[in-house]
């Protein structure tokens, strides 16, 4: 079963502005999340800046419905 992965309009614009190599890496990760939204190595992030890097800040929600 595949899941839908959607990006907010601002995230779509940001993705388009990235260099091609970074865009491919992020798109590959999004494609994997469509297959398994909870991969075995996933951990729940805690705090305002959890998972943030100077260049990228992951924000995800999971709707089990």
N, C-alpha and C. Protein backbone atom coordinates (compact mmCIF):
# COMPACT_ATOMS: atom_id res chain seq x y z
N UNK A 1 0.84 -1.18 0.00
CA UNK A 1 0.00 0.00 0.00
C UNK A 1 0.89 1.24 0.00
N UNK A 2 0.62 2.16 -0.89
CA UNK A 2 1.34 3.42 -0.92
C UNK A 2 0.51 4.50 -0.26
N UNK A 3 1.18 5.44 0.34
CA UNK A 3 0.55 6.55 1.03
C UNK A 3 0.77 7.81 0.22
N UNK A 4 -0.04 8.82 0.47
CA UNK A 4 0.12 10.11 -0.20
C UNK A 4 1.07 10.98 0.62
N UNK A 5 2.02 11.56 -0.04
CA UNK A 5 2.92 12.52 0.58
C UNK A 5 2.66 13.84 -0.11
N UNK A 6 2.27 14.84 0.66
CA UNK A 6 2.00 16.14 0.06
C UNK A 6 2.86 17.20 0.74
N UNK A 7 3.18 18.20 -0.02
CA UNK A 7 4.00 19.30 0.48
C UNK A 7 3.18 20.57 0.48
N UNK A 8 3.40 21.39 1.49
CA UNK A 8 2.78 22.70 1.51
C UNK A 8 3.33 23.52 0.35
N UNK A 9 2.57 24.49 -0.14
CA UNK A 9 3.05 25.30 -1.26
C UNK A 9 4.44 25.92 -1.01
N UNK A 10 4.67 26.39 0.20
CA UNK A 10 5.99 26.98 0.51
C UNK A 10 7.09 25.93 0.42
N UNK A 11 6.80 24.71 0.84
CA UNK A 11 7.79 23.63 0.75
C UNK A 11 8.05 23.27 -0.71
N UNK A 12 7.02 23.28 -1.53
CA UNK A 12 7.20 23.01 -2.96
C UNK A 12 8.10 24.05 -3.61
N UNK A 13 7.88 25.32 -3.26
CA UNK A 13 8.71 26.39 -3.81
C UNK A 13 10.16 26.23 -3.35
N UNK A 14 10.34 25.92 -2.08
CA UNK A 14 11.69 25.73 -1.55
C UNK A 14 12.39 24.56 -2.23
N UNK A 15 11.65 23.49 -2.45
CA UNK A 15 12.22 22.32 -3.11
C UNK A 15 12.68 22.66 -4.53
N UNK A 16 11.89 23.44 -5.24
CA UNK A 16 12.26 23.83 -6.60
C UNK A 16 13.52 24.69 -6.63
N UNK A 17 13.79 25.44 -5.57
CA UNK A 17 14.94 26.33 -5.53
C UNK A 17 16.24 25.61 -5.18
N UNK A 18 16.17 24.39 -4.68
CA UNK A 18 17.37 23.66 -4.29
C UNK A 18 18.18 23.24 -5.50
N UNK A 19 19.46 23.00 -5.25
CA UNK A 19 20.29 22.50 -6.34
C UNK A 19 19.81 21.08 -6.69
N UNK A 20 20.04 20.63 -7.91
CA UNK A 20 19.50 19.34 -8.37
C UNK A 20 19.86 18.14 -7.48
N UNK A 21 21.08 18.10 -6.98
CA UNK A 21 21.48 16.96 -6.14
C UNK A 21 20.69 16.92 -4.83
N UNK A 22 20.52 18.06 -4.19
CA UNK A 22 19.75 18.12 -2.94
C UNK A 22 18.29 17.79 -3.21
N UNK A 23 17.75 18.30 -4.31
CA UNK A 23 16.36 18.02 -4.67
C UNK A 23 16.13 16.53 -4.87
N UNK A 24 17.07 15.85 -5.54
CA UNK A 24 16.95 14.40 -5.76
C UNK A 24 16.99 13.64 -4.43
N UNK A 25 17.87 14.04 -3.51
CA UNK A 25 17.95 13.37 -2.21
C UNK A 25 16.66 13.52 -1.44
N UNK A 26 16.11 14.72 -1.43
CA UNK A 26 14.87 14.96 -0.68
C UNK A 26 13.70 14.25 -1.35
N UNK A 27 13.64 14.28 -2.67
CA UNK A 27 12.56 13.59 -3.38
C UNK A 27 12.63 12.09 -3.14
N UNK A 28 13.84 11.54 -3.09
CA UNK A 28 14.00 10.10 -2.82
C UNK A 28 13.48 9.77 -1.42
N UNK A 29 13.78 10.62 -0.45
CA UNK A 29 13.29 10.39 0.91
C UNK A 29 11.76 10.48 0.96
N UNK A 30 11.18 11.43 0.24
CA UNK A 30 9.72 11.56 0.20
C UNK A 30 9.09 10.34 -0.47
N UNK A 31 9.72 9.83 -1.51
CA UNK A 31 9.21 8.64 -2.19
C UNK A 31 9.22 7.43 -1.25
N UNK A 32 10.27 7.32 -0.43
CA UNK A 32 10.32 6.22 0.54
C UNK A 32 9.24 6.36 1.60
N UNK A 33 8.95 7.59 2.01
CA UNK A 33 7.89 7.80 2.99
C UNK A 33 6.52 7.42 2.43
N UNK A 34 6.35 7.53 1.12
CA UNK A 34 5.08 7.12 0.50
C UNK A 34 4.90 5.61 0.58
N UNK A 35 6.00 4.89 0.64
CA UNK A 35 5.93 3.43 0.75
C UNK A 35 5.77 3.01 2.21
N UNK A 36 6.55 3.64 3.09
CA UNK A 36 6.51 3.30 4.52
C UNK A 36 6.64 4.57 5.33
N UNK A 37 5.51 5.14 5.80
CA UNK A 37 5.57 6.41 6.53
C UNK A 37 6.22 6.30 7.91
N UNK A 38 6.40 5.09 8.38
CA UNK A 38 7.05 4.87 9.68
C UNK A 38 8.17 3.85 9.51
N UNK A 39 9.28 4.26 8.89
CA UNK A 39 10.38 3.31 8.69
C UNK A 39 10.95 2.83 10.02
N UNK A 40 11.56 1.65 10.05
CA UNK A 40 12.05 1.08 11.30
C UNK A 40 13.01 1.97 12.07
N UNK A 41 13.81 2.77 11.39
CA UNK A 41 14.79 3.61 12.08
C UNK A 41 14.21 4.96 12.51
N UNK A 42 12.94 5.19 12.27
CA UNK A 42 12.33 6.49 12.60
C UNK A 42 12.20 6.65 14.11
N UNK A 43 12.42 7.87 14.56
CA UNK A 43 12.23 8.21 15.97
C UNK A 43 11.38 9.47 16.04
N UNK A 44 10.63 9.59 17.11
CA UNK A 44 9.81 10.78 17.29
C UNK A 44 10.70 11.93 17.73
N UNK A 45 10.57 13.06 17.06
CA UNK A 45 11.35 14.23 17.41
C UNK A 45 10.63 15.04 18.47
N UNK A 46 11.40 15.63 19.38
CA UNK A 46 10.81 16.39 20.47
C UNK A 46 11.45 17.77 20.50
N UNK A 47 10.64 18.79 20.74
CA UNK A 47 11.17 20.14 20.86
C UNK A 47 10.93 20.96 19.62
N UNK A 48 11.12 22.27 19.76
CA UNK A 48 10.86 23.19 18.65
C UNK A 48 11.81 23.01 17.48
N UNK A 49 13.07 22.69 17.75
CA UNK A 49 14.03 22.60 16.66
C UNK A 49 14.45 21.16 16.39
N UNK A 50 13.62 20.21 16.79
CA UNK A 50 13.97 18.81 16.59
C UNK A 50 14.16 18.51 15.12
N UNK A 51 15.30 17.96 14.78
CA UNK A 51 15.58 17.58 13.40
C UNK A 51 16.01 18.72 12.52
N UNK A 52 16.09 19.92 13.07
CA UNK A 52 16.44 21.07 12.25
C UNK A 52 17.94 21.10 11.96
N UNK A 53 18.26 21.53 10.77
CA UNK A 53 19.64 21.79 10.39
C UNK A 53 19.67 23.22 9.89
N UNK A 54 20.84 23.79 9.70
CA UNK A 54 20.86 25.18 9.21
C UNK A 54 20.15 25.34 7.87
N UNK A 55 20.17 24.31 7.01
CA UNK A 55 19.55 24.45 5.69
C UNK A 55 18.13 23.92 5.60
N UNK A 56 17.81 22.86 6.36
CA UNK A 56 16.53 22.20 6.19
C UNK A 56 15.88 21.92 7.54
N UNK A 57 14.57 22.04 7.57
CA UNK A 57 13.82 21.77 8.78
C UNK A 57 12.68 20.83 8.44
N UNK A 58 12.77 19.55 8.86
CA UNK A 58 11.69 18.62 8.53
C UNK A 58 10.45 18.89 9.39
N UNK A 59 9.32 18.89 8.75
CA UNK A 59 8.05 19.01 9.45
C UNK A 59 7.12 17.98 8.82
N UNK A 60 6.62 17.08 9.64
CA UNK A 60 5.78 16.03 9.10
C UNK A 60 4.61 15.75 10.04
N UNK A 61 3.50 15.41 9.45
CA UNK A 61 2.38 14.92 10.22
C UNK A 61 1.95 13.60 9.61
N UNK A 62 1.38 12.77 10.41
CA UNK A 62 0.94 11.46 9.94
C UNK A 62 -0.53 11.34 10.25
N UNK A 63 -1.32 11.19 9.21
CA UNK A 63 -2.76 11.04 9.37
C UNK A 63 -3.12 9.59 9.11
N UNK A 64 -3.45 8.86 10.16
CA UNK A 64 -3.72 7.43 10.03
C UNK A 64 -5.11 7.13 9.48
N UNK A 65 -5.91 8.14 9.23
CA UNK A 65 -7.27 7.93 8.74
C UNK A 65 -7.29 7.59 7.29
